[in-house]
């Protein structure tokens, strides 16, 4: 996904508020000097922290939040949006409509309702940049910062959403493919698609396919007996299969036996997602572990990796946090496992 003018302004706001707070200067004046001719990208209220030794910037970046969802399968699969911590009504298929003659009674459907509420779950990323790069006039840092953020967050969402091995935990919602109806891949995409549709429990007219780029490329290369492409609208970047959207992501599981091809009816899945918080600081100790840092505050645990003082190494840390959760409300997913073509 390319950087748009709107998301570029959001990224500039992050940089401008960070630089202004660090040097205790007017953010509007700084933005006007760095990006002359552009509309103001920050407001005075966006800057927080008056102590020069410990500053932070917090704001709600809805455009970047929308960009993350747009890049993720979670945001593109047509899930039903609901608020956090509000009991939902999930009607079953017993509700029916009828043609009724004038003056006649309308049949009453017996509809059972299932109440549920989606708690807030947090997905977050931290990335570091040098203070020197923030001082540079080049727009490259803007593009890199935004791209790094979007890819990290979208990948985390896609992995949790699509990995059938993810049965859920206290911090992560279960994937929609976990315990879903499944068929084993045969090596023939046409046969596998037919078998997948046969076990699919959702509304096919509202569904979308999801897989990894390699599996999508293999399907695209499949030829019929005359040498023509059987699935001409399919490719590593997505496209369509059987006229339905095809969504691709590196977050879709793939191993030596092949990939996973999922068919998802998003109307049967509730999604709660809102709010993006961006915080920046250069006065912190950061545990430099990109896999499984051990530091914790709920059950105090010492970091195994030696923390690095950002001030000492001349770096700025940006922390991105968004809240997201989903729940399968009715069976609406099926998968092909070991899909290799």
C-alpha atoms as a PDB file:
ATOM      1  CA  UNK A   1       0.000   0.000   0.000  1.00  0.00           C
ATOM      2  CA  UNK A   2       1.429   3.333  -1.045  1.00  0.00           C
ATOM      3  CA  UNK A   3       1.632   6.298   1.263  1.00  0.00           C
ATOM      4  CA  UNK A   4      -1.273   8.665   0.621  1.00  0.00           C
ATOM      5  CA  UNK A   5      -1.321  12.410   1.185  1.00  0.00           C
ATOM      6  CA  UNK A   6      -3.553  11.943   4.224  1.00  0.00           C
ATOM      7  CA  UNK A   7      -1.409   9.328   5.922  1.00  0.00           C
ATOM      8  CA  UNK A   8       1.724  11.318   5.037  1.00  0.00           C
ATOM      9  CA  UNK A   9       0.263  14.280   6.950  1.00  0.00           C
ATOM     10  CA  UNK A  10      -0.396  11.994   9.917  1.00  0.00           C
ATOM     11  CA  UNK A  11       3.207  10.814   9.847  1.00  0.00           C
ATOM     12  CA  UNK A  12       4.407  14.412   9.605  1.00  0.00           C
ATOM     13  CA  UNK A  13       2.299  15.217  12.643  1.00  0.00           C
ATOM     14  CA  UNK A  14       4.095  12.461  14.575  1.00  0.00           C
ATOM     15  CA  UNK A  15       7.497  13.812  13.569  1.00  0.00           C
ATOM     16  CA  UNK A  16       6.609  17.453  14.113  1.00  0.00           C
ATOM     17  CA  UNK A  17       5.113  16.947  17.564  1.00  0.00           C
ATOM     18  CA  UNK A  18       8.037  14.737  18.569  1.00  0.00           C
ATOM     19  CA  UNK A  19      10.656  17.252  17.434  1.00  0.00           C
ATOM     20  CA  UNK A  20       8.772  20.214  18.879  1.00  0.00           C
ATOM     21  CA  UNK A  21       8.290  18.565  22.255  1.00  0.00           C
ATOM     22  CA  UNK A  22      11.918  17.455  22.390  1.00  0.00           C
ATOM     23  CA  UNK A  23      13.346  20.897  21.644  1.00  0.00           C
ATOM     24  CA  UNK A  24      10.558  22.818  23.403  1.00  0.00           C
ATOM     25  CA  UNK A  25       9.645  24.785  20.288  1.00  0.00           C
ATOM     26  CA  UNK A  26       6.311  25.761  18.763  1.00  0.00           C
ATOM     27  CA  UNK A  27       5.114  22.752  16.710  1.00  0.00           C
ATOM     28  CA  UNK A  28       3.305  24.969  14.213  1.00  0.00           C
ATOM     29  CA  UNK A  29       6.448  27.017  13.631  1.00  0.00           C
ATOM     30  CA  UNK A  30       8.532  23.868  13.278  1.00  0.00           C
ATOM     31  CA  UNK A  31       6.085  22.347  10.761  1.00  0.00           C
ATOM     32  CA  UNK A  32       5.970  25.538   8.714  1.00  0.00           C
ATOM     33  CA  UNK A  33       9.765  25.645   8.576  1.00  0.00           C
ATOM     34  CA  UNK A  34      10.234  21.973   7.673  1.00  0.00           C
ATOM     35  CA  UNK A  35       7.369  21.689   5.181  1.00  0.00           C
ATOM     36  CA  UNK A  36       6.944  25.198   3.763  1.00  0.00           C
ATOM     37  CA  UNK A  37       3.831  25.728   1.699  1.00  0.00           C
ATOM     38  CA  UNK A  38       1.872  22.870   3.242  1.00  0.00           C
ATOM     39  CA  UNK A  39      -1.215  23.271   5.389  1.00  0.00           C
ATOM     40  CA  UNK A  40      -0.568  23.088   9.143  1.00  0.00           C
ATOM     41  CA  UNK A  41      -0.142  19.461  10.129  1.00  0.00           C
ATOM     42  CA  UNK A  42      -0.246  19.852  13.891  1.00  0.00           C
ATOM     43  CA  UNK A  43      -2.150  21.752  16.501  1.00  0.00           C
ATOM     44  CA  UNK A  44      -0.854  23.100  19.761  1.00  0.00           C
ATOM     45  CA  UNK A  45      -3.106  20.685  21.641  1.00  0.00           C
ATOM     46  CA  UNK A  46      -1.343  17.703  20.068  1.00  0.00           C
ATOM     47  CA  UNK A  47       1.824  18.281  22.071  1.00  0.00           C
ATOM     48  CA  UNK A  48       2.099  17.029  25.613  1.00  0.00           C
ATOM     49  CA  UNK A  49       4.860  16.992  28.199  1.00  0.00           C
ATOM     50  CA  UNK A  50       6.446  20.217  29.358  1.00  0.00           C
ATOM     51  CA  UNK A  51       9.454  18.732  31.100  1.00  0.00           C
ATOM     52  CA  UNK A  52      12.430  18.931  28.754  1.00  0.00           C
ATOM     53  CA  UNK A  53      13.921  15.803  30.312  1.00  0.00           C
ATOM     54  CA  UNK A  54      10.844  13.648  29.845  1.00  0.00           C
ATOM     55  CA  UNK A  55       8.528  14.474  26.963  1.00  0.00           C
ATOM     56  CA  UNK A  56       5.831  12.512  25.182  1.00  0.00           C
ATOM     57  CA  UNK A  57       3.368  12.971  22.374  1.00  0.00           C
ATOM     58  CA  UNK A  58      -0.019  11.325  22.364  1.00  0.00           C
ATOM     59  CA  UNK A  59      -2.708  11.769  19.727  1.00  0.00           C
ATOM     60  CA  UNK A  60      -5.451   9.880  17.928  1.00  0.00           C
ATOM     61  CA  UNK A  61      -4.409   9.186  14.342  1.00  0.00           C
ATOM     62  CA  UNK A  62      -7.566   7.903  12.697  1.00  0.00           C
ATOM     63  CA  UNK A  63      -6.168   8.033   9.168  1.00  0.00           C
ATOM     64  CA  UNK A  64      -3.237   5.813  10.066  1.00  0.00           C
ATOM     65  CA  UNK A  65      -5.632   3.532  11.942  1.00  0.00           C
ATOM     66  CA  UNK A  66      -7.756   3.215   8.796  1.00  0.00           C
ATOM     67  CA  UNK A  67      -4.604   2.568   6.735  1.00  0.00           C
ATOM     68  CA  UNK A  68      -3.645  -0.358   8.989  1.00  0.00           C
ATOM     69  CA  UNK A  69      -7.091  -1.925   8.642  1.00  0.00           C
ATOM     70  CA  UNK A  70      -7.028  -1.362   4.890  1.00  0.00           C
ATOM     71  CA  UNK A  71      -3.742  -3.239   4.644  1.00  0.00           C
ATOM     72  CA  UNK A  72      -4.962  -6.156   6.781  1.00  0.00           C
ATOM     73  CA  UNK A  73      -7.244  -9.054   5.925  1.00  0.00           C
ATOM     74  CA  UNK A  74      -9.148  -8.207   9.108  1.00  0.00           C
ATOM     75  CA  UNK A  75     -10.141  -4.853   7.652  1.00  0.00           C
ATOM     76  CA  UNK A  76     -10.898  -6.079   4.135  1.00  0.00           C
ATOM     77  CA  UNK A  77     -12.873  -9.260   4.752  1.00  0.00           C
ATOM     78  CA  UNK A  78     -16.168  -7.476   5.428  1.00  0.00           C
ATOM     79  CA  UNK A  79     -16.444  -8.214   9.141  1.00  0.00           C
ATOM     80  CA  UNK A  80     -19.403  -6.791  11.062  1.00  0.00           C
ATOM     81  CA  UNK A  81     -18.220  -3.809  13.110  1.00  0.00           C
ATOM     82  CA  UNK A  82     -19.392  -3.577  16.721  1.00  0.00           C
ATOM     83  CA  UNK A  83     -18.292  -1.478  19.738  1.00  0.00           C
ATOM     84  CA  UNK A  84     -16.134  -2.755  22.581  1.00  0.00           C
ATOM     85  CA  UNK A  85     -17.666  -3.968  25.848  1.00  0.00           C
ATOM     86  CA  UNK A  86     -21.261  -3.710  24.631  1.00  0.00           C
ATOM     87  CA  UNK A  87     -23.472  -6.777  24.649  1.00  0.00           C
ATOM     88  CA  UNK A  88     -24.163  -7.838  21.075  1.00  0.00           C
ATOM     89  CA  UNK A  89     -27.209  -9.591  19.679  1.00  0.00           C
ATOM     90  CA  UNK A  90     -26.327 -12.408  17.322  1.00  0.00           C
ATOM     91  CA  UNK A  91     -29.573 -13.568  15.661  1.00  0.00           C
ATOM     92  CA  UNK A  92     -29.662 -17.081  14.233  1.00  0.00           C
ATOM     93  CA  UNK A  93     -31.277 -18.202  10.987  1.00  0.00           C
ATOM     94  CA  UNK A  94     -34.750 -18.734  12.487  1.00  0.00           C
ATOM     95  CA  UNK A  95     -35.812 -15.169  11.681  1.00  0.00           C
ATOM     96  CA  UNK A  96     -37.878 -15.299   8.482  1.00  0.00           C
ATOM     97  CA  UNK A  97     -39.854 -12.855   6.351  1.00  0.00           C
ATOM     98  CA  UNK A  98     -43.141 -13.761   4.651  1.00  0.00           C
ATOM     99  CA  UNK A  99     -45.449 -12.497   1.947  1.00  0.00           C
ATOM    100  CA  UNK A 100     -48.693 -11.525   3.682  1.00  0.00           C
ATOM    101  CA  UNK A 101     -52.087 -10.687   2.199  1.00  0.00           C
ATOM    102  CA  UNK A 102     -53.712  -7.380   3.101  1.00  0.00           C
ATOM    103  CA  UNK A 103     -55.386  -7.572   6.480  1.00  0.00           C
ATOM    104  CA  UNK A 104     -53.889 -10.958   7.379  1.00  0.00           C
ATOM    105  CA  UNK A 105     -51.685 -11.704  10.369  1.00  0.00           C
ATOM    106  CA  UNK A 106     -47.913 -11.749   9.923  1.00  0.00           C
ATOM    107  CA  UNK A 107     -46.241 -15.010  11.060  1.00  0.00           C
ATOM    108  CA  UNK A 108     -44.009 -14.558  14.087  1.00  0.00           C
ATOM    109  CA  UNK A 109     -40.500 -16.029  13.964  1.00  0.00           C
ATOM    110  CA  UNK A 110     -39.028 -17.653  17.025  1.00  0.00           C
ATOM    111  CA  UNK A 111     -35.576 -16.128  17.201  1.00  0.00           C
ATOM    112  CA  UNK A 112     -33.034 -17.061  19.839  1.00  0.00           C
ATOM    113  CA  UNK A 113     -30.485 -14.393  20.688  1.00  0.00           C
ATOM    114  CA  UNK A 114     -26.999 -14.922  22.007  1.00  0.00           C
ATOM    115  CA  UNK A 115     -25.477 -12.110  24.035  1.00  0.00           C
ATOM    116  CA  UNK A 116     -21.754 -11.425  23.933  1.00  0.00           C
ATOM    117  CA  UNK A 117     -19.338  -8.552  24.439  1.00  0.00           C
ATOM    118  CA  UNK A 118     -15.923  -8.021  22.903  1.00  0.00           C
ATOM    119  CA  UNK A 119     -13.299  -6.958  25.416  1.00  0.00           C
ATOM    120  CA  UNK A 120     -10.472  -4.672  24.425  1.00  0.00           C
ATOM    121  CA  UNK A 121      -7.396  -6.502  23.151  1.00  0.00           C
ATOM    122  CA  UNK A 122      -4.223  -4.611  22.375  1.00  0.00           C
ATOM    123  CA  UNK A 123      -1.822  -4.915  19.454  1.00  0.00           C
ATOM    124  CA  UNK A 124       1.245  -2.697  19.621  1.00  0.00           C
ATOM    125  CA  UNK A 125       4.570  -1.993  17.941  1.00  0.00           C
ATOM    126  CA  UNK A 126       7.695  -0.075  18.928  1.00  0.00           C
ATOM    127  CA  UNK A 127      10.179   1.204  16.388  1.00  0.00           C
ATOM    128  CA  UNK A 128      13.316   3.277  16.881  1.00  0.00           C
ATOM    129  CA  UNK A 129      14.789   5.988  14.682  1.00  0.00           C
ATOM    130  CA  UNK A 130      17.813   8.159  15.240  1.00  0.00           C
ATOM    131  CA  UNK A 131      17.335  11.721  16.372  1.00  0.00           C
ATOM    132  CA  UNK A 132      19.569  12.758  13.487  1.00  0.00           C
ATOM    133  CA  UNK A 133      17.142  11.288  10.952  1.00  0.00           C
ATOM    134  CA  UNK A 134      14.291  13.260  12.499  1.00  0.00           C
ATOM    135  CA  UNK A 135      16.290  16.434  11.931  1.00  0.00           C
ATOM    136  CA  UNK A 136      16.786  15.651   8.243  1.00  0.00           C
ATOM    137  CA  UNK A 137      14.689  17.517   5.696  1.00  0.00           C
ATOM    138  CA  UNK A 138      14.177  14.452   3.499  1.00  0.00           C
ATOM    139  CA  UNK A 139      10.688  12.950   3.319  1.00  0.00           C
ATOM    140  CA  UNK A 140      12.216   9.456   3.298  1.00  0.00           C
ATOM    141  CA  UNK A 141      11.924   9.119   7.063  1.00  0.00           C
ATOM    142  CA  UNK A 142       8.198   9.861   6.843  1.00  0.00           C
ATOM    143  CA  UNK A 143       7.635   7.091   4.310  1.00  0.00           C
ATOM    144  CA  UNK A 144       9.811   4.593   6.174  1.00  0.00           C
ATOM    145  CA  UNK A 145       8.239   5.314   9.560  1.00  0.00           C
ATOM    146  CA  UNK A 146       4.699   4.916   8.264  1.00  0.00           C
ATOM    147  CA  UNK A 147       5.482   1.817   6.175  1.00  0.00           C
ATOM    148  CA  UNK A 148       7.274   0.179   9.108  1.00  0.00           C
ATOM    149  CA  UNK A 149       4.357   0.870  11.408  1.00  0.00           C
ATOM    150  CA  UNK A 150       1.664  -0.287   8.988  1.00  0.00           C
ATOM    151  CA  UNK A 151       3.436  -3.506   8.049  1.00  0.00           C
ATOM    152  CA  UNK A 152       4.140  -4.481  11.668  1.00  0.00           C
ATOM    153  CA  UNK A 153       0.592  -3.865  12.839  1.00  0.00           C
ATOM    154  CA  UNK A 154      -1.144  -5.402   9.803  1.00  0.00           C
ATOM    155  CA  UNK A 155       1.058  -8.511   9.951  1.00  0.00           C
ATOM    156  CA  UNK A 156       0.266  -9.023  13.642  1.00  0.00           C
ATOM    157  CA  UNK A 157      -3.464  -8.728  12.903  1.00  0.00           C
ATOM    158  CA  UNK A 158      -3.312 -11.114   9.937  1.00  0.00           C
ATOM    159  CA  UNK A 159      -1.292 -13.754  11.756  1.00  0.00           C
ATOM    160  CA  UNK A 160      -3.697 -13.865  14.680  1.00  0.00           C
ATOM    161  CA  UNK A 161      -6.754 -13.738  12.412  1.00  0.00           C
ATOM    162  CA  UNK A 162      -5.708 -16.467   9.937  1.00  0.00           C
ATOM    163  CA  UNK A 163      -3.411 -18.910  11.761  1.00  0.00           C
ATOM    164  CA  UNK A 164      -5.501 -22.021  12.413  1.00  0.00           C
ATOM    165  CA  UNK A 165      -3.120 -23.012  15.231  1.00  0.00           C
ATOM    166  CA  UNK A 166      -4.120 -19.892  17.188  1.00  0.00           C
ATOM    167  CA  UNK A 167      -6.772 -21.049  19.658  1.00  0.00           C
ATOM    168  CA  UNK A 168      -6.692 -17.744  21.536  1.00  0.00           C
ATOM    169  CA  UNK A 169      -5.148 -16.557  24.789  1.00  0.00           C
ATOM    170  CA  UNK A 170      -5.581 -13.865  27.393  1.00  0.00           C
ATOM    171  CA  UNK A 171      -4.071 -11.305  25.038  1.00  0.00           C
ATOM    172  CA  UNK A 172      -4.948 -12.644  21.579  1.00  0.00           C
ATOM    173  CA  UNK A 173      -8.357 -13.543  20.109  1.00  0.00           C
ATOM    174  CA  UNK A 174      -8.657 -16.988  18.522  1.00  0.00           C
ATOM    175  CA  UNK A 175      -8.249 -17.091  14.761  1.00  0.00           C
ATOM    176  CA  UNK A 176     -11.374 -17.469  12.651  1.00  0.00           C
ATOM    177  CA  UNK A 177      -9.810 -20.533  11.018  1.00  0.00           C
ATOM    178  CA  UNK A 178      -9.245 -22.337  14.317  1.00  0.00           C
ATOM    179  CA  UNK A 179     -11.598 -25.364  14.414  1.00  0.00           C
ATOM    180  CA  UNK A 180     -13.155 -24.281  11.101  1.00  0.00           C
ATOM    181  CA  UNK A 181     -14.449 -26.812   8.575  1.00  0.00           C
ATOM    182  CA  UNK A 182     -11.516 -28.025   6.505  1.00  0.00           C
ATOM    183  CA  UNK A 183     -10.503 -30.156   3.534  1.00  0.00           C
ATOM    184  CA  UNK A 184      -7.040 -31.464   2.706  1.00  0.00           C
ATOM    185  CA  UNK A 185      -5.380 -30.112  -0.416  1.00  0.00           C
ATOM    186  CA  UNK A 186      -5.129 -32.493  -3.370  1.00  0.00           C
ATOM    187  CA  UNK A 187      -2.703 -30.540  -5.527  1.00  0.00           C
ATOM    188  CA  UNK A 188      -5.495 -29.540  -7.921  1.00  0.00           C
ATOM    189  CA  UNK A 189      -6.884 -26.052  -7.160  1.00  0.00           C
ATOM    190  CA  UNK A 190     -10.118 -26.664  -9.083  1.00  0.00           C
ATOM    191  CA  UNK A 191     -10.881 -29.805  -7.070  1.00  0.00           C
ATOM    192  CA  UNK A 192      -9.882 -28.108  -3.831  1.00  0.00           C
ATOM    193  CA  UNK A 193     -12.101 -25.112  -4.506  1.00  0.00           C
ATOM    194  CA  UNK A 194     -15.063 -27.387  -5.219  1.00  0.00           C
ATOM    195  CA  UNK A 195     -14.446 -29.320  -1.979  1.00  0.00           C
ATOM    196  CA  UNK A 196     -14.016 -26.073  -0.032  1.00  0.00           C
ATOM    197  CA  UNK A 197     -17.326 -24.692  -1.280  1.00  0.00           C
ATOM    198  CA  UNK A 198     -19.037 -27.984  -0.396  1.00  0.00           C
ATOM    199  CA  UNK A 199     -18.111 -27.662   3.299  1.00  0.00           C
ATOM    200  CA  UNK A 200     -18.395 -23.856   3.530  1.00  0.00           C
ATOM    201  CA  UNK A 201     -21.064 -22.945   6.137  1.00  0.00           C
ATOM    202  CA  UNK A 202     -21.351 -19.228   5.363  1.00  0.00           C
ATOM    203  CA  UNK A 203     -23.051 -17.045   2.766  1.00  0.00           C
ATOM    204  CA  UNK A 204     -21.019 -17.646  -0.399  1.00  0.00           C
ATOM    205  CA  UNK A 205     -22.271 -14.456  -2.062  1.00  0.00           C
ATOM    206  CA  UNK A 206     -20.652 -12.376   0.713  1.00  0.00           C
ATOM    207  CA  UNK A 207     -17.451 -14.359   1.105  1.00  0.00           C
ATOM    208  CA  UNK A 208     -13.791 -13.713   0.305  1.00  0.00           C
ATOM    209  CA  UNK A 209     -10.760 -15.966  -0.073  1.00  0.00           C
ATOM    210  CA  UNK A 210      -7.582 -15.412   1.958  1.00  0.00           C
ATOM    211  CA  UNK A 211      -4.176 -17.028   1.505  1.00  0.00           C
ATOM    212  CA  UNK A 212      -0.455 -16.280   1.368  1.00  0.00           C
ATOM    213  CA  UNK A 213       1.187 -14.709  -1.720  1.00  0.00           C
ATOM    214  CA  UNK A 214       3.031 -17.921  -2.685  1.00  0.00           C
ATOM    215  CA  UNK A 215      -0.109 -20.044  -2.742  1.00  0.00           C
ATOM    216  CA  UNK A 216      -1.904 -17.330  -4.730  1.00  0.00           C
ATOM    217  CA  UNK A 217       0.951 -17.291  -7.249  1.00  0.00           C
ATOM    218  CA  UNK A 218       0.798 -21.090  -7.599  1.00  0.00           C
ATOM    219  CA  UNK A 219      -2.947 -20.916  -8.283  1.00  0.00           C
ATOM    220  CA  UNK A 220      -2.367 -18.172 -10.852  1.00  0.00           C
ATOM    221  CA  UNK A 221       0.156 -20.379 -12.689  1.00  0.00           C
ATOM    222  CA  UNK A 222      -2.273 -23.285 -12.995  1.00  0.00           C
ATOM    223  CA  UNK A 223      -3.150 -24.029 -16.634  1.00  0.00           C
ATOM    224  CA  UNK A 224      -6.001 -25.856 -18.345  1.00  0.00           C
ATOM    225  CA  UNK A 225      -5.552 -28.512 -21.028  1.00  0.00           C
ATOM    226  CA  UNK A 226      -5.128 -25.904 -23.756  1.00  0.00           C
ATOM    227  CA  UNK A 227      -2.464 -23.989 -21.821  1.00  0.00           C
ATOM    228  CA  UNK A 228      -4.673 -21.086 -20.810  1.00  0.00           C
ATOM    229  CA  UNK A 229      -4.751 -19.619 -17.303  1.00  0.00           C
ATOM    230  CA  UNK A 230      -7.540 -21.214 -15.269  1.00  0.00           C
ATOM    231  CA  UNK A 231      -7.592 -18.339 -12.776  1.00  0.00           C
ATOM    232  CA  UNK A 232      -6.497 -15.242 -14.726  1.00  0.00           C
ATOM    233  CA  UNK A 233      -7.626 -12.752 -12.073  1.00  0.00           C
ATOM    234  CA  UNK A 234      -5.541 -14.317  -9.296  1.00  0.00           C
ATOM    235  CA  UNK A 235      -2.013 -13.260  -8.337  1.00  0.00           C
ATOM    236  CA  UNK A 236       0.413 -12.810  -5.424  1.00  0.00           C
ATOM    237  CA  UNK A 237      -1.065  -9.381  -4.649  1.00  0.00           C
ATOM    238  CA  UNK A 238      -4.593 -10.778  -4.550  1.00  0.00           C
ATOM    239  CA  UNK A 239      -7.331 -10.260  -7.120  1.00  0.00           C
ATOM    240  CA  UNK A 240     -10.259 -12.660  -7.337  1.00  0.00           C
ATOM    241  CA  UNK A 241     -11.137 -16.357  -7.416  1.00  0.00           C
ATOM    242  CA  UNK A 242     -14.455 -17.508  -8.859  1.00  0.00           C
ATOM    243  CA  UNK A 243     -15.505 -13.857  -8.886  1.00  0.00           C
ATOM    244  CA  UNK A 244     -14.943 -13.481  -5.132  1.00  0.00           C
ATOM    245  CA  UNK A 245     -12.232 -11.216  -3.643  1.00  0.00           C
ATOM    246  CA  UNK A 246      -8.869 -12.864  -3.000  1.00  0.00           C
ATOM    247  CA  UNK A 247      -6.916 -11.325  -0.103  1.00  0.00           C
ATOM    248  CA  UNK A 248      -3.254 -12.193   0.342  1.00  0.00           C
ATOM    249  CA  UNK A 249      -0.988 -11.755   3.344  1.00  0.00           C
ATOM    250  CA  UNK A 250       2.297 -13.128   4.666  1.00  0.00           C
ATOM    251  CA  UNK A 251       0.340 -13.614   7.873  1.00  0.00           C
ATOM    252  CA  UNK A 252      -1.511 -16.564   6.340  1.00  0.00           C
ATOM    253  CA  UNK A 253       0.252 -19.740   7.506  1.00  0.00           C
ATOM    254  CA  UNK A 254       2.507 -21.682   5.134  1.00  0.00           C
ATOM    255  CA  UNK A 255       5.042 -24.442   5.755  1.00  0.00           C
ATOM    256  CA  UNK A 256       6.777 -27.233   3.848  1.00  0.00           C
ATOM    257  CA  UNK A 257       3.451 -28.988   3.175  1.00  0.00           C
ATOM    258  CA  UNK A 258       1.920 -25.909   1.556  1.00  0.00           C
ATOM    259  CA  UNK A 259      -0.261 -22.981   2.466  1.00  0.00           C
ATOM    260  CA  UNK A 260      -3.772 -22.402   3.745  1.00  0.00           C
ATOM    261  CA  UNK A 261      -6.639 -21.240   1.547  1.00  0.00           C
ATOM    262  CA  UNK A 262      -9.500 -19.841   3.617  1.00  0.00           C
ATOM    263  CA  UNK A 263     -13.013 -18.914   2.541  1.00  0.00           C
ATOM    264  CA  UNK A 264     -14.468 -16.326   4.928  1.00  0.00           C
ATOM    265  CA  UNK A 265     -17.963 -14.854   5.215  1.00  0.00           C
ATOM    266  CA  UNK A 266     -17.209 -11.717   7.206  1.00  0.00           C
ATOM    267  CA  UNK A 267     -20.870 -11.076   8.057  1.00  0.00           C
ATOM    268  CA  UNK A 268     -20.684 -13.948  10.540  1.00  0.00           C
ATOM    269  CA  UNK A 269     -17.732 -12.423  12.419  1.00  0.00           C
ATOM    270  CA  UNK A 270     -17.972  -9.475  14.808  1.00  0.00           C
ATOM    271  CA  UNK A 271     -15.066  -7.001  14.818  1.00  0.00           C
ATOM    272  CA  UNK A 272     -14.371  -4.314  17.386  1.00  0.00           C
ATOM    273  CA  UNK A 273     -11.534  -1.988  16.435  1.00  0.00           C
ATOM    274  CA  UNK A 274     -10.963   1.614  17.329  1.00  0.00           C
ATOM    275  CA  UNK A 275      -8.408   4.168  18.324  1.00  0.00           C
ATOM    276  CA  UNK A 276      -4.745   4.495  17.545  1.00  0.00           C
ATOM    277  CA  UNK A 277      -2.362   5.962  20.093  1.00  0.00           C
ATOM    278  CA  UNK A 278       1.057   7.192  19.048  1.00  0.00           C
ATOM    279  CA  UNK A 279       3.597   7.976  21.753  1.00  0.00           C
ATOM    280  CA  UNK A 280       7.187   9.101  21.235  1.00  0.00           C
ATOM    281  CA  UNK A 281      10.044   9.514  23.673  1.00  0.00           C
ATOM    282  CA  UNK A 282      13.820   9.693  23.834  1.00  0.00           C
ATOM    283  CA  UNK A 283      13.986   9.422  27.649  1.00  0.00           C
ATOM    284  CA  UNK A 284      13.393   5.742  28.222  1.00  0.00           C
ATOM    285  CA  UNK A 285      15.140   2.423  28.722  1.00  0.00           C
ATOM    286  CA  UNK A 286      14.141  -0.011  25.960  1.00  0.00           C
ATOM    287  CA  UNK A 287      14.609  -3.767  26.115  1.00  0.00           C
ATOM    288  CA  UNK A 288      16.109  -4.446  22.691  1.00  0.00           C
ATOM    289  CA  UNK A 289      14.360  -7.736  21.952  1.00  0.00           C
ATOM    290  CA  UNK A 290      12.301  -8.064  18.773  1.00  0.00           C
ATOM    291  CA  UNK A 291      10.886 -11.506  19.596  1.00  0.00           C
ATOM    292  CA  UNK A 292       9.878 -12.038  23.232  1.00  0.00           C
ATOM    293  CA  UNK A 293      10.953  -9.339  25.699  1.00  0.00           C
ATOM    294  CA  UNK A 294      10.530 -10.479  29.289  1.00  0.00           C
ATOM    295  CA  UNK A 295      10.067  -7.172  31.094  1.00  0.00           C
ATOM    296  CA  UNK A 296       6.664  -6.866  32.780  1.00  0.00           C
ATOM    297  CA  UNK A 297       4.946  -4.619  35.307  1.00  0.00           C
ATOM    298  CA  UNK A 298       1.918  -6.736  36.311  1.00  0.00           C
ATOM    299  CA  UNK A 299       4.233  -9.465  37.617  1.00  0.00           C
ATOM    300  CA  UNK A 300       7.531  -7.578  37.918  1.00  0.00           C
ATOM    301  CA  UNK A 301      10.152  -9.345  35.831  1.00  0.00           C
ATOM    302  CA  UNK A 302      13.617  -8.207  34.952  1.00  0.00           C
ATOM    303  CA  UNK A 303      14.500  -7.822  31.297  1.00  0.00           C
ATOM    304  CA  UNK A 304      16.795 -10.540  29.974  1.00  0.00           C
ATOM    305  CA  UNK A 305      18.187  -8.298  27.249  1.00  0.00           C
ATOM    306  CA  UNK A 306      20.202  -5.324  28.486  1.00  0.00           C
ATOM    307  CA  UNK A 307      18.013  -2.193  28.273  1.00  0.00           C
ATOM    308  CA  UNK A 308      19.346   0.617  26.115  1.00  0.00           C
ATOM    309  CA  UNK A 309      19.051   4.265  27.163  1.00  0.00           C
ATOM    310  CA  UNK A 310      17.619   6.125  24.172  1.00  0.00           C
ATOM    311  CA  UNK A 311      19.144   9.425  25.260  1.00  0.00           C
ATOM    312  CA  UNK A 312      22.606   7.906  25.385  1.00  0.00           C
ATOM    313  CA  UNK A 313      22.451   6.427  21.874  1.00  0.00           C
ATOM    314  CA  UNK A 314      20.609   9.398  20.344  1.00  0.00           C
ATOM    315  CA  UNK A 315      17.444   7.541  19.337  1.00  0.00           C
ATOM    316  CA  UNK A 316      13.729   8.241  19.512  1.00  0.00           C
ATOM    317  CA  UNK A 317      11.235   5.442  20.192  1.00  0.00           C
ATOM    318  CA  UNK A 318       7.771   5.543  18.665  1.00  0.00           C
ATOM    319  CA  UNK A 319       5.120   3.322  20.198  1.00  0.00           C
ATOM    320  CA  UNK A 320       1.965   2.559  18.228  1.00  0.00           C
ATOM    321  CA  UNK A 321      -0.992   0.978  19.999  1.00  0.00           C
ATOM    322  CA  UNK A 322      -4.426   0.050  18.707  1.00  0.00           C
ATOM    323  CA  UNK A 323      -7.272  -1.968  20.194  1.00  0.00           C
ATOM    324  CA  UNK A 324      -8.857  -4.803  18.246  1.00  0.00           C
ATOM    325  CA  UNK A 325     -10.857  -7.956  18.915  1.00  0.00           C
ATOM    326  CA  UNK A 326     -13.091 -10.280  16.930  1.00  0.00           C
ATOM    327  CA  UNK A 327     -15.427 -13.184  17.560  1.00  0.00           C
ATOM    328  CA  UNK A 328     -17.053 -15.811  15.363  1.00  0.00           C
ATOM    329  CA  UNK A 329     -20.811 -15.453  15.879  1.00  0.00           C
ATOM    330  CA  UNK A 330     -21.893 -18.223  13.556  1.00  0.00           C
ATOM    331  CA  UNK A 331     -19.990 -20.781  11.453  1.00  0.00           C
ATOM    332  CA  UNK A 332     -18.797 -18.841   8.416  1.00  0.00           C
ATOM    333  CA  UNK A 333     -15.270 -20.066   7.585  1.00  0.00           C
ATOM    334  CA  UNK A 334     -13.789 -23.084   5.825  1.00  0.00           C
ATOM    335  CA  UNK A 335     -10.179 -23.816   4.857  1.00  0.00           C
ATOM    336  CA  UNK A 336      -8.074 -25.916   2.538  1.00  0.00           C
ATOM    337  CA  UNK A 337      -5.027 -27.210   4.403  1.00  0.00           C
ATOM    338  CA  UNK A 338      -1.689 -28.173   2.821  1.00  0.00           C
ATOM    339  CA  UNK A 339      -2.588 -26.221  -0.305  1.00  0.00           C
ATOM    340  CA  UNK A 340       0.349 -26.692  -2.697  1.00  0.00           C
ATOM    341  CA  UNK A 341       0.008 -26.301  -6.444  1.00  0.00           C
END
